[in-house]
Amino acid sequence: MTTMAQETATGPAATPQTASTIRRHELAAFLRHRREHIAPEQVGLVRGTRRRTPGLRREEVAQLAAVGVTWYTWLEQARDIQVSVQVLDALARTLLLDPSERAHLFRLADANDPRPAAECPVVTPALRAMLDQLDPIPACLQNSRYDILAYNRTYGMLLCDMDAVPPEDRNCMLLSYTHEEWRSSIVHLEKTQRLMAARFRGSMAGHLADPTWKTLLKRLRTSPEFCEVWDRHEVMGATPRRKEFRNTHVGRITVDHTDLWLGPATGPRMVTYAPADEESRERLERLHALAQAR
């Protein structure tokens, strides 16, 4: 049994404020360590003969990340200041963080990385093997934001050359408003956009304060076409449905869309497009052959 004297001696359990303070100090130490272990030459700077600071100077990091020197100094001093996900992203690039270090930075800042991870914990080697085994049936792994986390060869050529799309742009909703080949491949584009927006709104209700979702929504809102659909406030859940694609290599394909959920919640899922008729099956087989020959 813990006495009051013992509690006073050891201190009470960590409060949210204490946890926040600990994170700030860990973040400050992490930034200092990374800064001190990056040679000026690694970021295109000249070392010079009078440099005493190991690694980069604070003002150099601030300049490269396009933030104020005073503000960055406060960050390394563990001051209680707000850090946006855009600034964290800039610091991650400036400090040459690898994926694990980048994830650690965002965790210490108590923020969500707006960039879809190239290596997602959901995408296990077993799931990648399943995607490959499904060929020539197009299949991919998505999260509830429509980020495309992984895909098989046939899916990679179904709507566009997915390999040529930067990882941060591999999002079905974003591509449906910004990528001309993707847009032209969807036979019923307006209907598809409305359905995706309605599902996205329903999913976002549980992530209203999540910076990752807010960042994606901000990008989408630059499209007047999206704003018109979004302002209808339509909401819809996930349902299997038939889709038609106009592939640039093999022609028109009709498929049945199915979501295979990877957990109890409607989050990560495997999306499959089974051919709806024999002609579509043959065309998917041809598309897969083309993908294998690349």
C-alpha atoms as a PDB file:
ATOM      1  CA  MET A   1       0.000   0.000   0.000  1.00  0.00           C
ATOM      2  CA  THR A   2       1.444   3.373  -1.025  1.00  0.00           C
ATOM      3  CA  THR A   3       1.466   6.031   1.699  1.00  0.00           C
ATOM      4  CA  MET A   4       1.148   9.761   1.182  1.00  0.00           C
ATOM      5  CA  ALA A   5       4.807  10.150   2.174  1.00  0.00           C
ATOM      6  CA  GLN A   6       5.839   7.621  -0.461  1.00  0.00           C
ATOM      7  CA  GLU A   7       3.766   9.382  -3.118  1.00  0.00           C
ATOM      8  CA  THR A   8       5.373  12.694  -2.182  1.00  0.00           C
ATOM      9  CA  ALA A   9       8.839  11.175  -2.382  1.00  0.00           C
ATOM     10  CA  THR A  10       8.359   9.464  -5.719  1.00  0.00           C
ATOM     11  CA  GLY A  11       6.010  12.007  -7.220  1.00  0.00           C
ATOM     12  CA  PRO A  12       2.504  11.460  -8.636  1.00  0.00           C
ATOM     13  CA  ALA A  13       1.852   9.646 -11.872  1.00  0.00           C
ATOM     14  CA  ALA A  14       2.772  11.633 -14.979  1.00  0.00           C
ATOM     15  CA  THR A  15       0.084  14.152 -15.950  1.00  0.00           C
ATOM     16  CA  PRO A  16      -0.618  15.162 -19.572  1.00  0.00           C
ATOM     17  CA  GLN A  17       1.338  18.370 -18.953  1.00  0.00           C
ATOM     18  CA  THR A  18       4.322  16.406 -17.644  1.00  0.00           C
ATOM     19  CA  ALA A  19       4.151  14.041 -20.631  1.00  0.00           C
ATOM     20  CA  SER A  20       4.100  17.049 -22.958  1.00  0.00           C
ATOM     21  CA  THR A  21       7.158  18.514 -21.222  1.00  0.00           C
ATOM     22  CA  ILE A  22       9.017  15.213 -21.526  1.00  0.00           C
ATOM     23  CA  ARG A  23       8.210  15.030 -25.247  1.00  0.00           C
ATOM     24  CA  ARG A  24       9.449  18.597 -25.801  1.00  0.00           C
ATOM     25  CA  HIS A  25      12.780  17.838 -24.121  1.00  0.00           C
ATOM     26  CA  GLU A  26      13.152  14.594 -26.074  1.00  0.00           C
ATOM     27  CA  LEU A  27      12.353  16.464 -29.295  1.00  0.00           C
ATOM     28  CA  ALA A  28      14.937  19.150 -28.476  1.00  0.00           C
ATOM     29  CA  ALA A  29      17.611  16.547 -27.757  1.00  0.00           C
ATOM     30  CA  PHE A  30      16.790  14.622 -30.917  1.00  0.00           C
ATOM     31  CA  LEU A  31      17.013  17.733 -33.107  1.00  0.00           C
ATOM     32  CA  ARG A  32      20.322  18.786 -31.551  1.00  0.00           C
ATOM     33  CA  HIS A  33      21.795  15.315 -32.004  1.00  0.00           C
ATOM     34  CA  ARG A  34      20.773  15.098 -35.656  1.00  0.00           C
ATOM     35  CA  ARG A  35      21.976  18.636 -36.386  1.00  0.00           C
ATOM     36  CA  GLU A  36      25.376  17.962 -34.832  1.00  0.00           C
ATOM     37  CA  HIS A  37      25.861  14.789 -36.852  1.00  0.00           C
ATOM     38  CA  ILE A  38      25.255  16.223 -40.328  1.00  0.00           C
ATOM     39  CA  ALA A  39      28.305  17.515 -42.166  1.00  0.00           C
ATOM     40  CA  PRO A  40      27.812  20.828 -44.007  1.00  0.00           C
ATOM     41  CA  GLU A  41      28.866  19.119 -47.242  1.00  0.00           C
ATOM     42  CA  GLN A  42      25.896  16.737 -46.965  1.00  0.00           C
ATOM     43  CA  VAL A  43      23.479  19.638 -47.447  1.00  0.00           C
ATOM     44  CA  GLY A  44      25.503  21.589 -49.982  1.00  0.00           C
ATOM     45  CA  LEU A  45      27.260  24.012 -47.602  1.00  0.00           C
ATOM     46  CA  VAL A  46      30.940  24.908 -47.486  1.00  0.00           C
ATOM     47  CA  ARG A  47      32.607  23.911 -44.220  1.00  0.00           C
ATOM     48  CA  GLY A  48      35.106  26.771 -44.013  1.00  0.00           C
ATOM     49  CA  THR A  49      38.218  26.936 -41.821  1.00  0.00           C
ATOM     50  CA  ARG A  50      36.773  28.663 -38.736  1.00  0.00           C
ATOM     51  CA  ARG A  51      33.904  26.309 -38.004  1.00  0.00           C
ATOM     52  CA  ARG A  52      33.857  25.087 -34.403  1.00  0.00           C
ATOM     53  CA  THR A  53      30.305  23.715 -34.230  1.00  0.00           C
ATOM     54  CA  PRO A  54      30.122  19.977 -34.925  1.00  0.00           C
ATOM     55  CA  GLY A  55      27.745  19.426 -37.781  1.00  0.00           C
ATOM     56  CA  LEU A  56      25.350  22.206 -38.741  1.00  0.00           C
ATOM     57  CA  ARG A  57      24.715  25.494 -36.951  1.00  0.00           C
ATOM     58  CA  ARG A  58      21.207  26.334 -35.759  1.00  0.00           C
ATOM     59  CA  GLU A  59      20.950  29.232 -38.190  1.00  0.00           C
ATOM     60  CA  GLU A  60      21.915  26.911 -41.059  1.00  0.00           C
ATOM     61  CA  VAL A  61      19.164  24.453 -40.179  1.00  0.00           C
ATOM     62  CA  ALA A  62      16.685  27.323 -39.873  1.00  0.00           C
ATOM     63  CA  GLN A  63      17.693  28.722 -43.253  1.00  0.00           C
ATOM     64  CA  LEU A  64      17.539  25.366 -45.018  1.00  0.00           C
ATOM     65  CA  ALA A  65      14.121  24.593 -43.479  1.00  0.00           C
ATOM     66  CA  ALA A  66      12.821  28.136 -44.144  1.00  0.00           C
ATOM     67  CA  VAL A  67      11.957  28.855 -40.495  1.00  0.00           C
ATOM     68  CA  GLY A  68      13.048  31.651 -38.162  1.00  0.00           C
ATOM     69  CA  VAL A  69      16.339  31.242 -36.309  1.00  0.00           C
ATOM     70  CA  THR A  70      14.806  32.354 -33.004  1.00  0.00           C
ATOM     71  CA  TRP A  71      11.882  29.985 -33.442  1.00  0.00           C
ATOM     72  CA  TYR A  72      14.172  27.032 -34.206  1.00  0.00           C
ATOM     73  CA  THR A  73      16.382  27.933 -31.225  1.00  0.00           C
ATOM     74  CA  TRP A  74      13.319  27.848 -28.971  1.00  0.00           C
ATOM     75  CA  LEU A  75      12.482  24.433 -30.394  1.00  0.00           C
ATOM     76  CA  GLU A  76      15.922  23.117 -29.406  1.00  0.00           C
ATOM     77  CA  GLN A  77      15.463  24.737 -25.986  1.00  0.00           C
ATOM     78  CA  ALA A  78      12.239  22.730 -25.442  1.00  0.00           C
ATOM     79  CA  ARG A  79      10.115  25.878 -25.280  1.00  0.00           C
ATOM     80  CA  ASP A  80       6.341  25.342 -25.272  1.00  0.00           C
ATOM     81  CA  ILE A  81       5.621  26.388 -28.873  1.00  0.00           C
ATOM     82  CA  GLN A  82       3.344  25.023 -31.567  1.00  0.00           C
ATOM     83  CA  VAL A  83       4.948  23.139 -34.444  1.00  0.00           C
ATOM     84  CA  SER A  84       3.020  22.661 -37.686  1.00  0.00           C
ATOM     85  CA  VAL A  85       3.264  19.468 -39.732  1.00  0.00           C
ATOM     86  CA  GLN A  86       4.644  21.551 -42.623  1.00  0.00           C
ATOM     87  CA  VAL A  87       7.573  22.717 -40.454  1.00  0.00           C
ATOM     88  CA  LEU A  88       8.182  19.178 -39.212  1.00  0.00           C
ATOM     89  CA  ASP A  89       8.257  17.977 -42.796  1.00  0.00           C
ATOM     90  CA  ALA A  90      10.801  20.687 -43.693  1.00  0.00           C
ATOM     91  CA  LEU A  91      12.982  19.790 -40.702  1.00  0.00           C
ATOM     92  CA  ALA A  92      12.838  16.093 -41.574  1.00  0.00           C
ATOM     93  CA  ARG A  93      14.102  16.835 -45.079  1.00  0.00           C
ATOM     94  CA  THR A  94      16.745  19.304 -43.884  1.00  0.00           C
ATOM     95  CA  LEU A  95      18.109  16.889 -41.275  1.00  0.00           C
ATOM     96  CA  LEU A  96      18.113  14.009 -43.793  1.00  0.00           C
ATOM     97  CA  LEU A  97      15.946  11.806 -41.593  1.00  0.00           C
ATOM     98  CA  ASP A  98      15.284   8.266 -42.733  1.00  0.00           C
ATOM     99  CA  PRO A  99      11.705   6.879 -42.486  1.00  0.00           C
ATOM    100  CA  SER A 100      12.170   5.614 -38.912  1.00  0.00           C
ATOM    101  CA  GLU A 101      13.719   8.886 -37.746  1.00  0.00           C
ATOM    102  CA  ARG A 102      11.001  10.878 -39.496  1.00  0.00           C
ATOM    103  CA  ALA A 103       8.292   8.847 -37.736  1.00  0.00           C
ATOM    104  CA  HIS A 104      10.108   9.401 -34.420  1.00  0.00           C
ATOM    105  CA  LEU A 105      10.211  13.172 -35.038  1.00  0.00           C
ATOM    106  CA  PHE A 106       6.459  13.338 -35.614  1.00  0.00           C
ATOM    107  CA  ARG A 107       5.740  11.171 -32.568  1.00  0.00           C
ATOM    108  CA  LEU A 108       7.860  13.412 -30.332  1.00  0.00           C
ATOM    109  CA  ALA A 109       6.004  16.449 -31.690  1.00  0.00           C
ATOM    110  CA  ASP A 110       2.682  14.671 -31.029  1.00  0.00           C
ATOM    111  CA  ALA A 111       1.727  15.135 -34.674  1.00  0.00           C
ATOM    112  CA  ASN A 112       0.655  12.924 -37.561  1.00  0.00           C
ATOM    113  CA  ASP A 113       2.809  12.738 -40.644  1.00  0.00           C
ATOM    114  CA  PRO A 114       0.779  14.063 -43.622  1.00  0.00           C
ATOM    115  CA  ARG A 115       2.902  12.119 -46.086  1.00  0.00           C
ATOM    116  CA  PRO A 116       1.823   8.542 -46.770  1.00  0.00           C
ATOM    117  CA  ALA A 117       4.635   6.306 -45.624  1.00  0.00           C
ATOM    118  CA  ALA A 118       6.557   4.433 -48.283  1.00  0.00           C
ATOM    119  CA  GLU A 119       6.891   1.616 -45.759  1.00  0.00           C
ATOM    120  CA  CYS A 120       3.616   1.247 -43.892  1.00  0.00           C
ATOM    121  CA  PRO A 121       3.267  -1.147 -40.932  1.00  0.00           C
ATOM    122  CA  VAL A 122       0.064  -2.423 -42.537  1.00  0.00           C
ATOM    123  CA  VAL A 123       1.964  -3.546 -45.637  1.00  0.00           C
ATOM    124  CA  THR A 124       3.544  -6.750 -44.386  1.00  0.00           C
ATOM    125  CA  PRO A 125       5.545  -9.101 -46.646  1.00  0.00           C
ATOM    126  CA  ALA A 126       2.630 -11.552 -46.462  1.00  0.00           C
ATOM    127  CA  LEU A 127       0.174  -8.943 -47.773  1.00  0.00           C
ATOM    128  CA  ARG A 128       2.567  -8.006 -50.571  1.00  0.00           C
ATOM    129  CA  ALA A 129       2.740 -11.682 -51.511  1.00  0.00           C
ATOM    130  CA  MET A 130      -1.063 -11.857 -51.562  1.00  0.00           C
ATOM    131  CA  LEU A 131      -1.231  -8.841 -53.873  1.00  0.00           C
ATOM    132  CA  ASP A 132       1.190 -10.535 -56.272  1.00  0.00           C
ATOM    133  CA  GLN A 133      -0.743 -13.815 -56.146  1.00  0.00           C
ATOM    134  CA  LEU A 134      -3.951 -12.009 -57.144  1.00  0.00           C
ATOM    135  CA  ASP A 135      -2.494 -10.923 -60.506  1.00  0.00           C
ATOM    136  CA  PRO A 136      -3.986 -10.516 -63.107  1.00  0.00           C
ATOM    137  CA  ILE A 137      -6.799  -9.305 -60.829  1.00  0.00           C
ATOM    138  CA  PRO A 138      -5.895  -5.680 -60.009  1.00  0.00           C
ATOM    139  CA  ALA A 139      -5.488  -5.212 -56.262  1.00  0.00           C
ATOM    140  CA  CYS A 140      -4.056  -2.643 -53.875  1.00  0.00           C
ATOM    141  CA  LEU A 141      -3.903  -1.769 -50.183  1.00  0.00           C
ATOM    142  CA  GLN A 142      -5.598   1.462 -49.144  1.00  0.00           C
ATOM    143  CA  ASN A 143      -6.382   3.244 -45.904  1.00  0.00           C
ATOM    144  CA  SER A 144      -9.598   5.123 -45.140  1.00  0.00           C
ATOM    145  CA  ARG A 145      -8.112   8.333 -46.632  1.00  0.00           C
ATOM    146  CA  TYR A 146      -7.759   6.576 -50.032  1.00  0.00           C
ATOM    147  CA  ASP A 147      -3.956   6.576 -49.789  1.00  0.00           C
ATOM    148  CA  ILE A 148      -2.583   3.771 -51.981  1.00  0.00           C
ATOM    149  CA  LEU A 149      -0.090   1.942 -49.749  1.00  0.00           C
ATOM    150  CA  ALA A 150       0.861  -0.929 -52.058  1.00  0.00           C
ATOM    151  CA  TYR A 151      -0.360  -2.490 -55.311  1.00  0.00           C
ATOM    152  CA  ASN A 152       0.265  -5.383 -57.670  1.00  0.00           C
ATOM    153  CA  ARG A 153       1.530  -5.131 -61.232  1.00  0.00           C
ATOM    154  CA  THR A 154      -1.864  -5.126 -62.933  1.00  0.00           C
ATOM    155  CA  TYR A 155      -3.225  -2.391 -60.679  1.00  0.00           C
ATOM    156  CA  GLY A 156      -0.045  -0.412 -61.339  1.00  0.00           C
ATOM    157  CA  MET A 157      -1.085  -0.056 -65.010  1.00  0.00           C
ATOM    158  CA  LEU A 158      -4.883  -0.054 -64.652  1.00  0.00           C
ATOM    159  CA  LEU A 159      -5.634   3.679 -64.380  1.00  0.00           C
ATOM    160  CA  CYS A 160      -2.190   5.180 -64.983  1.00  0.00           C
ATOM    161  CA  ASP A 161       1.485   4.362 -64.574  1.00  0.00           C
ATOM    162  CA  MET A 162       1.389   4.205 -60.787  1.00  0.00           C
ATOM    163  CA  ASP A 163       5.157   3.787 -60.522  1.00  0.00           C
ATOM    164  CA  ALA A 164       5.560   7.260 -62.050  1.00  0.00           C
ATOM    165  CA  VAL A 165       3.316   8.899 -59.429  1.00  0.00           C
ATOM    166  CA  PRO A 166       5.234  10.320 -56.414  1.00  0.00           C
ATOM    167  CA  PRO A 167       4.375   8.416 -53.196  1.00  0.00           C
ATOM    168  CA  GLU A 168       2.893  11.544 -51.589  1.00  0.00           C
ATOM    169  CA  ASP A 169       0.433  11.860 -54.507  1.00  0.00           C
ATOM    170  CA  ARG A 170      -0.736   8.227 -54.504  1.00  0.00           C
ATOM    171  CA  ASN A 171      -4.224   8.977 -53.268  1.00  0.00           C
ATOM    172  CA  CYS A 172      -7.304   7.951 -55.253  1.00  0.00           C
ATOM    173  CA  MET A 173      -9.277  11.118 -54.497  1.00  0.00           C
ATOM    174  CA  LEU A 174      -6.376  13.424 -55.273  1.00  0.00           C
ATOM    175  CA  LEU A 175      -5.622  11.610 -58.527  1.00  0.00           C
ATOM    176  CA  SER A 176      -9.279  11.798 -59.593  1.00  0.00           C
ATOM    177  CA  TYR A 177      -9.020  15.615 -59.576  1.00  0.00           C
ATOM    178  CA  THR A 178      -5.421  16.230 -60.627  1.00  0.00           C
ATOM    179  CA  HIS A 179      -4.138  13.386 -62.846  1.00  0.00           C
ATOM    180  CA  GLU A 180      -5.466  13.512 -66.415  1.00  0.00           C
ATOM    181  CA  GLU A 181      -4.716   9.881 -67.330  1.00  0.00           C
ATOM    182  CA  TRP A 182      -6.325   8.635 -64.101  1.00  0.00           C
ATOM    183  CA  ARG A 183      -9.388  10.814 -64.713  1.00  0.00           C
ATOM    184  CA  SER A 184      -9.793   9.702 -68.319  1.00  0.00           C
ATOM    185  CA  SER A 185      -9.546   6.035 -67.270  1.00  0.00           C
ATOM    186  CA  ILE A 186     -12.690   6.225 -65.101  1.00  0.00           C
ATOM    187  CA  VAL A 187     -15.774   5.826 -67.272  1.00  0.00           C
ATOM    188  CA  HIS A 188     -18.220   7.321 -64.755  1.00  0.00           C
ATOM    189  CA  LEU A 189     -15.914   9.939 -63.242  1.00  0.00           C
ATOM    190  CA  GLU A 190     -18.471  12.291 -61.676  1.00  0.00           C
ATOM    191  CA  LYS A 191     -20.341   9.445 -59.990  1.00  0.00           C
ATOM    192  CA  THR A 192     -17.069   7.976 -58.695  1.00  0.00           C
ATOM    193  CA  GLN A 193     -15.966  11.348 -57.306  1.00  0.00           C
ATOM    194  CA  ARG A 194     -19.276  11.784 -55.464  1.00  0.00           C
ATOM    195  CA  LEU A 195     -19.094   8.294 -53.958  1.00  0.00           C
ATOM    196  CA  MET A 196     -15.512   8.756 -52.810  1.00  0.00           C
ATOM    197  CA  ALA A 197     -16.244  12.176 -51.299  1.00  0.00           C
ATOM    198  CA  ALA A 198     -19.255  10.760 -49.441  1.00  0.00           C
ATOM    199  CA  ARG A 199     -17.180   7.878 -48.039  1.00  0.00           C
ATOM    200  CA  PHE A 200     -14.312  10.215 -47.199  1.00  0.00           C
ATOM    201  CA  ARG A 201     -16.653  12.533 -45.260  1.00  0.00           C
ATOM    202  CA  GLY A 202     -18.061   9.605 -43.314  1.00  0.00           C
ATOM    203  CA  SER A 203     -14.578   8.353 -42.417  1.00  0.00           C
ATOM    204  CA  MET A 204     -13.249  11.808 -41.582  1.00  0.00           C
ATOM    205  CA  ALA A 205     -15.852  12.269 -38.824  1.00  0.00           C
ATOM    206  CA  GLY A 206     -13.562  10.221 -36.595  1.00  0.00           C
ATOM    207  CA  HIS A 207     -10.448  12.190 -37.595  1.00  0.00           C
ATOM    208  CA  LEU A 208     -11.567  15.831 -37.593  1.00  0.00           C
ATOM    209  CA  ALA A 209      -8.534  17.040 -35.613  1.00  0.00           C
ATOM    210  CA  ASP A 210      -6.040  14.790 -37.398  1.00  0.00           C
ATOM    211  CA  PRO A 211      -3.468  16.949 -39.278  1.00  0.00           C
ATOM    212  CA  THR A 212      -3.004  14.228 -41.899  1.00  0.00           C
ATOM    213  CA  TRP A 213      -6.658  14.330 -42.895  1.00  0.00           C
ATOM    214  CA  LYS A 214      -6.759  18.124 -42.730  1.00  0.00           C
ATOM    215  CA  THR A 215      -3.713  18.385 -44.982  1.00  0.00           C
ATOM    216  CA  LEU A 216      -5.292  16.124 -47.603  1.00  0.00           C
ATOM    217  CA  LEU A 217      -8.565  18.044 -47.443  1.00  0.00           C
ATOM    218  CA  LYS A 218      -6.670  21.320 -47.904  1.00  0.00           C
ATOM    219  CA  ARG A 219      -4.994  19.929 -51.037  1.00  0.00           C
ATOM    220  CA  LEU A 220      -8.326  18.727 -52.399  1.00  0.00           C
ATOM    221  CA  ARG A 221      -9.984  22.085 -51.747  1.00  0.00           C
ATOM    222  CA  THR A 222      -7.700  23.736 -54.297  1.00  0.00           C
ATOM    223  CA  SER A 223      -9.940  22.053 -56.899  1.00  0.00           C
ATOM    224  CA  PRO A 224     -13.252  23.910 -57.535  1.00  0.00           C
ATOM    225  CA  GLU A 225     -14.552  20.605 -58.906  1.00  0.00           C
ATOM    226  CA  PHE A 226     -13.940  18.939 -55.539  1.00  0.00           C
ATOM    227  CA  CYS A 227     -15.412  21.845 -53.561  1.00  0.00           C
ATOM    228  CA  GLU A 228     -18.645  21.562 -55.515  1.00  0.00           C
ATOM    229  CA  VAL A 229     -18.941  17.866 -54.634  1.00  0.00           C
ATOM    230  CA  TRP A 230     -17.749  18.307 -51.027  1.00  0.00           C
ATOM    231  CA  ASP A 231     -20.222  21.093 -50.258  1.00  0.00           C
ATOM    232  CA  ARG A 232     -23.127  18.699 -50.856  1.00  0.00           C
ATOM    233  CA  HIS A 233     -22.354  17.101 -47.465  1.00  0.00           C
ATOM    234  CA  GLU A 234     -23.247  13.639 -48.725  1.00  0.00           C
ATOM    235  CA  VAL A 235     -22.277  10.677 -46.536  1.00  0.00           C
ATOM    236  CA  MET A 236     -22.057   7.034 -47.558  1.00  0.00           C
ATOM    237  CA  GLY A 237     -20.587   3.819 -46.223  1.00  0.00           C
ATOM    238  CA  ALA A 238     -18.582   1.186 -48.068  1.00  0.00           C
ATOM    239  CA  THR A 239     -20.505  -1.023 -50.503  1.00  0.00           C
ATOM    240  CA  PRO A 240     -19.366  -3.466 -53.226  1.00  0.00           C
ATOM    241  CA  ARG A 241     -20.076  -2.081 -56.693  1.00  0.00           C
ATOM    242  CA  ARG A 242     -19.350  -2.540 -60.383  1.00  0.00           C
ATOM    243  CA  LYS A 243     -16.862  -0.236 -62.084  1.00  0.00           C
ATOM    244  CA  GLU A 244     -15.841   0.469 -65.651  1.00  0.00           C
ATOM    245  CA  PHE A 245     -12.371   1.584 -66.695  1.00  0.00           C
ATOM    246  CA  ARG A 246     -11.034   2.817 -70.028  1.00  0.00           C
ATOM    247  CA  ASN A 247      -7.472   1.477 -70.047  1.00  0.00           C
ATOM    248  CA  THR A 248      -5.045   3.077 -72.503  1.00  0.00           C
ATOM    249  CA  HIS A 249      -3.352  -0.262 -73.286  1.00  0.00           C
ATOM    250  CA  VAL A 250      -6.143  -2.841 -73.603  1.00  0.00           C
ATOM    251  CA  GLY A 251      -9.400  -0.905 -73.816  1.00  0.00           C
ATOM    252  CA  ARG A 252     -12.566  -0.965 -71.729  1.00  0.00           C
ATOM    253  CA  ILE A 253     -12.679  -3.192 -68.632  1.00  0.00           C
ATOM    254  CA  THR A 254     -15.644  -3.962 -66.366  1.00  0.00           C
ATOM    255  CA  VAL A 255     -14.865  -5.156 -62.845  1.00  0.00           C
ATOM    256  CA  ASP A 256     -16.542  -5.839 -59.516  1.00  0.00           C
ATOM    257  CA  HIS A 257     -14.995  -3.833 -56.684  1.00  0.00           C
ATOM    258  CA  THR A 258     -14.631  -5.546 -53.303  1.00  0.00           C
ATOM    259  CA  ASP A 259     -13.087  -4.223 -50.068  1.00  0.00           C
ATOM    260  CA  LEU A 260     -11.384  -6.808 -47.857  1.00  0.00           C
ATOM    261  CA  TRP A 261     -10.905  -5.216 -44.423  1.00  0.00           C
ATOM    262  CA  LEU A 262      -7.622  -5.917 -42.637  1.00  0.00           C
ATOM    263  CA  GLY A 263      -8.961  -5.276 -39.150  1.00  0.00           C
ATOM    264  CA  PRO A 264     -12.159  -4.857 -37.123  1.00  0.00           C
ATOM    265  CA  ALA A 265     -12.382  -1.141 -37.956  1.00  0.00           C
ATOM    266  CA  THR A 266     -13.047   0.310 -41.422  1.00  0.00           C
ATOM    267  CA  GLY A 267      -9.455   1.466 -41.856  1.00  0.00           C
ATOM    268  CA  PRO A 268      -6.834  -0.334 -43.959  1.00  0.00           C
ATOM    269  CA  ARG A 269      -8.269  -2.622 -46.612  1.00  0.00           C
ATOM    270  CA  MET A 270      -7.343  -4.660 -49.630  1.00  0.00           C
ATOM    271  CA  VAL A 271      -9.200  -3.417 -52.709  1.00  0.00           C
ATOM    272  CA  THR A 272      -9.758  -5.960 -55.488  1.00  0.00           C
ATOM    273  CA  TYR A 273     -11.208  -5.601 -58.991  1.00  0.00           C
ATOM    274  CA  ALA A 274     -12.450  -8.979 -60.226  1.00  0.00           C
ATOM    275  CA  PRO A 275     -13.373  -9.102 -63.949  1.00  0.00           C
ATOM    276  CA  ALA A 276     -17.122  -8.981 -64.489  1.00  0.00           C
ATOM    277  CA  ASP A 277     -17.091 -10.774 -67.858  1.00  0.00           C
ATOM    278  CA  GLU A 278     -14.860 -12.936 -70.036  1.00  0.00           C
ATOM    279  CA  GLU A 279     -13.755 -10.060 -72.272  1.00  0.00           C
ATOM    280  CA  SER A 280     -12.609  -8.073 -69.231  1.00  0.00           C
ATOM    281  CA  ARG A 281     -10.788 -11.130 -67.907  1.00  0.00           C
ATOM    282  CA  GLU A 282      -8.872 -11.521 -71.163  1.00  0.00           C
ATOM    283  CA  ARG A 283      -7.989  -7.830 -71.224  1.00  0.00           C
ATOM    284  CA  LEU A 284      -6.727  -7.945 -67.647  1.00  0.00           C
ATOM    285  CA  GLU A 285      -4.543 -10.912 -68.550  1.00  0.00           C
ATOM    286  CA  ARG A 286      -3.092  -8.904 -71.450  1.00  0.00           C
ATOM    287  CA  LEU A 287      -2.529  -5.933 -69.161  1.00  0.00           C
ATOM    288  CA  HIS A 288      -0.736  -8.149 -66.664  1.00  0.00           C
ATOM    289  CA  ALA A 289       1.476  -9.539 -69.444  1.00  0.00           C
ATOM    290  CA  LEU A 290       2.394  -5.973 -70.430  1.00  0.00           C
ATOM    291  CA  ALA A 291       3.186  -5.141 -66.812  1.00  0.00           C
ATOM    292  CA  GLN A 292       5.434  -8.201 -66.498  1.00  0.00           C
ATOM    293  CA  ALA A 293       7.317  -7.246 -69.678  1.00  0.00           C
ATOM    294  CA  ARG A 294       8.238  -3.791 -68.338  1.00  0.00           C
END
